[in-house]
Structures are given as C-alpha cells and as structure tokens.
Amino acid sequence: MDNRTKGIIATIASALLCGCPGLFIFFFGVLIAVGAPVTTTLNSQSSTQTYPPTYGFVMLCLSVIFIAIPVVV
C-alpha cells in the first residue's frame, strides 16, 4: 500500500470513529446547554429531567476536540 491509500483509509476511519460521534455529542450538548428536558425510559418507567448547563458546555468542548481530529488527520 502506498502512502496515499493509507492516508485515505486513516481519513475515513477517523471521520467515522471521531467525526460522527463528535457531531452527535455536539447536538446533545446544545440541547443540554439550553435546558431542554431529557426523557429516559427504563423498564417501562419514564422520567423527565434537565441536566445542569455545565454538562452541556463540557459536551460542546469535547465535541470540538472530536470533530478536530479528522481535520488534523
């Protein structure tokens, strides 16, 4: 395998393993940061609660790191 093929494989792998989860973390981070209620269901029992905005801001920072990894690769 030449260097170009290895680069393409590394780019695709990093986009799938870091870029996509980073986008999902960004989406949920925005929802939590603005105070949107989160509904969870476990054993047919639902509960709705809000998380502190700090959790959302931490998720936003984490998502920036995850999204930057494919750009660097």
Protein backbone atom coordinates (compact mmCIF):
# COMPACT_ATOMS: atom_id res chain seq x y z
CA MET A 1 0.00 0.00 0.00
CA ASP A 2 1.28 3.42 -0.85
CA ASN A 3 1.09 6.49 1.37
CA ARG A 4 -1.91 7.94 -0.41
CA THR A 5 -4.03 4.83 0.24
CA LYS A 6 -3.01 4.79 3.89
CA GLY A 7 -3.96 8.47 4.18
CA ILE A 8 -7.38 7.89 2.65
CA ILE A 9 -8.05 4.94 4.97
CA ALA A 10 -6.92 6.97 8.00
CA THR A 11 -9.14 9.89 6.99
CA ILE A 12 -12.22 7.70 6.51
CA ALA A 13 -11.61 5.80 9.75
CA SER A 14 -11.09 8.97 11.78
CA ALA A 15 -14.18 10.57 10.27
CA LEU A 16 -16.32 7.58 11.19
CA LEU A 17 -14.81 6.97 14.63
CA CYS A 18 -14.36 10.59 15.75
CA GLY A 19 -16.26 12.93 13.45
CA CYS A 20 -19.70 11.29 13.61
CA PRO A 21 -19.70 10.83 17.42
CA GLY A 22 -18.44 14.40 17.72
CA LEU A 23 -21.46 15.68 15.80
CA PHE A 24 -23.85 13.69 18.00
CA ILE A 25 -22.12 14.93 21.16
CA PHE A 26 -22.40 18.48 19.80
CA PHE A 27 -26.14 18.08 19.17
CA PHE A 28 -26.87 16.71 22.66
CA GLY A 29 -24.53 19.26 24.23
CA VAL A 30 -26.51 22.11 22.68
CA LEU A 31 -29.80 20.60 23.89
CA ILE A 32 -28.49 20.17 27.43
CA ALA A 33 -26.86 23.63 27.50
CA VAL A 34 -30.14 25.36 26.61
CA GLY A 35 -32.01 23.40 29.27
CA ALA A 36 -34.10 21.05 27.14
CA PRO A 37 -35.69 18.26 29.22
CA VAL A 38 -34.36 14.74 28.67
CA THR A 39 -36.75 11.80 28.88
CA THR A 40 -35.33 8.41 29.84
CA THR A 41 -37.19 5.11 29.87
CA LEU A 42 -36.04 2.10 31.86
CA ASN A 43 -38.20 -0.97 32.43
CA SER A 44 -41.29 0.83 31.10
CA GLN A 45 -40.88 3.70 33.58
CA SER A 46 -40.25 7.12 32.09
CA SER A 47 -38.69 10.07 33.85
CA THR A 48 -38.10 13.57 32.53
CA GLN A 49 -35.35 15.74 33.96
CA THR A 50 -33.00 18.53 33.00
CA TYR A 51 -29.25 18.44 33.41
CA PRO A 52 -27.08 21.33 34.58
CA PRO A 53 -25.92 23.57 31.70
CA THR A 54 -22.32 22.86 32.72
CA TYR A 55 -22.71 19.31 31.37
CA GLY A 56 -23.80 20.74 28.03
CA PHE A 57 -20.84 23.11 27.82
CA VAL A 58 -18.43 20.28 28.65
CA MET A 59 -20.00 18.18 25.90
CA LEU A 60 -19.59 21.07 23.45
CA CYS A 61 -15.89 21.36 24.27
CA LEU A 62 -15.47 17.61 23.92
CA SER A 63 -17.25 17.64 20.57
CA VAL A 64 -14.87 20.31 19.23
CA ILE A 65 -11.95 18.01 20.04
CA PHE A 66 -13.66 15.02 18.41
CA ILE A 67 -14.51 17.00 15.27
CA ALA A 68 -10.97 18.44 15.02
CA ILE A 69 -9.30 15.00 14.95
CA PRO A 70 -10.41 14.09 11.36
CA VAL A 71 -9.46 17.59 10.20
CA VAL A 72 -5.92 17.12 11.56
CA VAL A 73 -5.58 13.63 10.11
